[in-house]
């Protein structure tokens, strides 16, 4: 569960391979949708799914992207934490990881150093392949010194699987009670 790792590590070709085990929360979030064939659905569940989709999309685009990556607006520390948790429920890693990679992407867009350039390895790599590798697993906190000073954000980033797993456990518990 702990994502802390030493910074400045060099990588070889093996580090471009997908780390399937570490992607459990990401795949679980997507595969759990197929459970509808066994448990059925209700109009309330469908409405909740649609509502959560829009709320989570806002958490990623409005908060992980616009706030954490670009710092386009200011907010309170409590609001920052709440939306970091909500963004974490999307299983797209922690807010510091997300912002660090995005800031680096803008600095090196479609050039050497851009982890998710389609020029490097094509469409699928640029959309989902790049973040599944050991090379891109670590959070480069040097890219986000303004955010890395917040202990709560560092904790959410370090234990990024906690929020999606807690959400999953909560959904499973609701189903059986």
Protein backbone atom coordinates (compact mmCIF):
# COMPACT_ATOMS: atom_id res chain seq x y z
CA UNK A 1 0.00 0.00 0.00
CA UNK A 2 2.93 2.35 0.55
CA UNK A 3 3.97 4.35 -2.52
CA UNK A 4 6.97 6.09 -0.98
CA UNK A 5 10.12 5.27 -2.86
CA UNK A 6 13.52 6.89 -3.20
CA UNK A 7 13.69 9.65 -5.82
CA UNK A 8 16.28 9.83 -8.57
CA UNK A 9 16.34 6.11 -9.43
CA UNK A 10 17.56 5.18 -12.90
CA UNK A 11 15.57 2.73 -14.98
CA UNK A 12 16.24 0.16 -17.65
CA UNK A 13 14.07 -1.46 -20.35
CA UNK A 14 12.41 -3.77 -17.78
CA UNK A 15 10.85 -0.72 -16.13
CA UNK A 16 8.69 -0.02 -19.18
CA UNK A 17 6.77 -3.26 -18.64
CA UNK A 18 3.27 -3.05 -17.20
CA UNK A 19 2.99 -3.73 -13.47
CA UNK A 20 -0.32 -5.64 -13.51
CA UNK A 21 -0.53 -6.42 -9.78
CA UNK A 22 -0.16 -2.79 -8.68
CA UNK A 23 -3.06 -1.84 -10.95
CA UNK A 24 -5.59 -3.84 -8.92
CA UNK A 25 -7.70 -0.85 -7.80
CA UNK A 26 -7.74 0.60 -11.34
CA UNK A 27 -8.90 -2.67 -12.90
CA UNK A 28 -11.30 -3.45 -10.03
CA UNK A 29 -13.02 -0.11 -10.50
CA UNK A 30 -13.65 -0.92 -14.16
CA UNK A 31 -14.37 -4.63 -13.90
CA UNK A 32 -16.83 -4.28 -11.02
CA UNK A 33 -19.29 -2.83 -13.54
CA UNK A 34 -19.82 -6.34 -14.88
CA UNK A 35 -21.29 -7.34 -11.51
CA UNK A 36 -24.55 -5.87 -12.75
CA UNK A 37 -25.14 -9.16 -14.58
CA UNK A 38 -25.18 -11.04 -11.25
CA UNK A 39 -26.69 -8.54 -8.84
CA UNK A 40 -29.01 -6.67 -11.18
CA UNK A 41 -29.69 -2.98 -11.09
CA UNK A 42 -32.26 -0.53 -9.90
CA UNK A 43 -33.15 2.93 -11.09
CA UNK A 44 -31.62 4.33 -7.89
CA UNK A 45 -28.36 2.46 -8.52
CA UNK A 46 -28.29 3.66 -12.12
CA UNK A 47 -28.90 7.26 -10.99
CA UNK A 48 -26.13 6.94 -8.39
CA UNK A 49 -23.73 5.59 -11.01
CA UNK A 50 -24.48 8.46 -13.39
CA UNK A 51 -24.18 11.02 -10.58
CA UNK A 52 -20.88 9.53 -9.37
CA UNK A 53 -19.56 9.58 -12.93
CA UNK A 54 -20.17 13.32 -13.23
CA UNK A 55 -18.91 14.11 -9.73
CA UNK A 56 -15.74 12.09 -10.31
CA UNK A 57 -15.15 13.59 -13.74
CA UNK A 58 -15.34 17.00 -12.06
CA UNK A 59 -12.90 15.80 -9.39
CA UNK A 60 -10.37 14.82 -12.06
CA UNK A 61 -10.85 17.68 -14.53
CA UNK A 62 -11.63 20.48 -12.09
CA UNK A 63 -9.43 19.48 -9.19
CA UNK A 64 -6.66 17.05 -10.14
CA UNK A 65 -6.14 18.86 -13.45
CA UNK A 66 -7.13 22.52 -13.01
CA UNK A 67 -6.37 22.93 -9.30
CA UNK A 68 -3.54 20.54 -8.39
CA UNK A 69 -1.72 20.55 -11.74
CA UNK A 70 -2.23 24.15 -12.90
CA UNK A 71 -3.20 25.96 -9.68
CA UNK A 72 -5.77 28.02 -11.62
CA UNK A 73 -7.74 28.99 -8.50
CA UNK A 74 -7.41 29.12 -4.72
CA UNK A 75 -9.43 27.31 -2.08
CA UNK A 76 -9.33 26.38 1.57
CA UNK A 77 -7.18 23.54 2.85
CA UNK A 78 -10.28 21.57 3.90
CA UNK A 79 -11.83 21.90 0.43
CA UNK A 80 -8.51 20.93 -1.14
CA UNK A 81 -8.41 17.78 0.99
CA UNK A 82 -12.06 16.88 0.27
CA UNK A 83 -11.53 17.04 -3.47
CA UNK A 84 -8.23 15.18 -3.22
CA UNK A 85 -10.15 12.35 -1.53
CA UNK A 86 -12.90 12.49 -4.15
CA UNK A 87 -10.30 12.46 -6.93
CA UNK A 88 -8.63 9.53 -5.20
CA UNK A 89 -11.88 7.56 -5.49
CA UNK A 90 -11.33 7.53 -9.27
CA UNK A 91 -8.33 5.19 -8.83
CA UNK A 92 -6.11 7.55 -10.82
CA UNK A 93 -3.42 7.59 -8.14
CA UNK A 94 -2.77 10.35 -5.64
CA UNK A 95 -3.06 14.11 -6.22
CA UNK A 96 0.69 14.71 -6.01
CA UNK A 97 1.45 11.90 -8.45
CA UNK A 98 -1.19 13.18 -10.86
CA UNK A 99 -0.08 16.82 -10.67
CA UNK A 100 3.64 15.98 -10.91
CA UNK A 101 3.16 13.90 -14.04
CA UNK A 102 0.87 16.47 -15.61
CA UNK A 103 3.24 19.35 -14.91
CA UNK A 104 6.09 17.34 -16.40
CA UNK A 105 3.90 16.54 -19.42
CA UNK A 106 3.33 20.24 -20.10
CA UNK A 107 7.04 20.98 -19.68
CA UNK A 108 8.01 18.27 -22.21
CA UNK A 109 4.87 17.86 -24.33
CA UNK A 110 5.49 15.31 -27.11
CA UNK A 111 9.25 15.45 -26.58
CA UNK A 112 11.82 13.45 -24.62
CA UNK A 113 10.65 13.40 -20.99
CA UNK A 114 6.92 13.31 -21.75
CA UNK A 115 5.78 10.03 -20.19
CA UNK A 116 2.56 9.83 -22.16
CA UNK A 117 3.43 11.09 -25.61
CA UNK A 118 1.65 9.17 -28.40
CA UNK A 119 4.75 9.76 -30.54
CA UNK A 120 6.79 7.54 -28.22
CA UNK A 121 4.67 4.36 -28.25
CA UNK A 122 1.29 5.14 -29.84
CA UNK A 123 -2.31 5.82 -28.84
CA UNK A 124 -2.87 3.13 -26.18
CA UNK A 125 0.44 3.89 -24.49
CA UNK A 126 -0.41 7.60 -24.29
CA UNK A 127 -3.83 6.90 -22.75
CA UNK A 128 -3.36 3.97 -20.39
CA UNK A 129 -0.04 2.20 -20.90
CA UNK A 130 2.33 4.82 -19.54
CA UNK A 131 0.95 4.92 -15.99
CA UNK A 132 1.02 1.16 -15.61
CA UNK A 133 4.82 0.93 -15.58
CA UNK A 134 7.39 0.94 -12.80
CA UNK A 135 9.11 3.89 -14.46
CA UNK A 136 6.06 6.11 -13.99
CA UNK A 137 4.98 4.69 -10.64
CA UNK A 138 6.83 7.13 -8.41
CA UNK A 139 5.68 10.64 -7.53
CA UNK A 140 8.33 13.20 -8.42
CA UNK A 141 7.71 15.57 -5.51
CA UNK A 142 10.25 18.02 -6.94
CA UNK A 143 7.61 18.81 -9.58
CA UNK A 144 5.04 19.77 -6.92
CA UNK A 145 6.86 21.49 -4.04
CA UNK A 146 3.88 23.80 -3.46
CA UNK A 147 1.63 20.78 -2.78
CA UNK A 148 4.14 18.44 -1.16
CA UNK A 149 4.21 20.62 1.98
CA UNK A 150 0.70 19.42 2.89
CA UNK A 151 0.92 16.33 5.11
CA UNK A 152 -2.62 15.22 4.27
CA UNK A 153 -1.90 15.32 0.52
CA UNK A 154 1.33 13.40 1.01
CA UNK A 155 -0.59 10.75 2.98
CA UNK A 156 -3.31 10.43 0.29
CA UNK A 157 -0.58 10.19 -2.31
CA UNK A 158 1.48 7.66 -0.37
CA UNK A 159 -1.49 5.37 0.30
CA UNK A 160 -3.43 6.03 -2.90
CA UNK A 161 -5.19 2.65 -2.87
CA UNK A 162 -6.93 3.38 0.46
CA UNK A 163 -9.66 5.65 -0.96
CA UNK A 164 -10.74 3.40 -3.86
CA UNK A 165 -10.64 0.31 -1.64
CA UNK A 166 -12.67 2.06 1.08
CA UNK A 167 -15.21 3.07 -1.55
CA UNK A 168 -15.37 -0.51 -2.84
CA UNK A 169 -15.82 -1.95 0.66
CA UNK A 170 -18.56 0.60 1.37
CA UNK A 171 -20.42 -0.37 -1.84
CA UNK A 172 -20.11 -4.09 -1.06
CA UNK A 173 -21.31 -3.55 2.51
CA UNK A 174 -24.33 -1.58 1.26
CA UNK A 175 -25.21 -4.43 -1.09
CA UNK A 176 -25.37 -7.00 1.70
CA UNK A 177 -27.18 -4.91 4.33
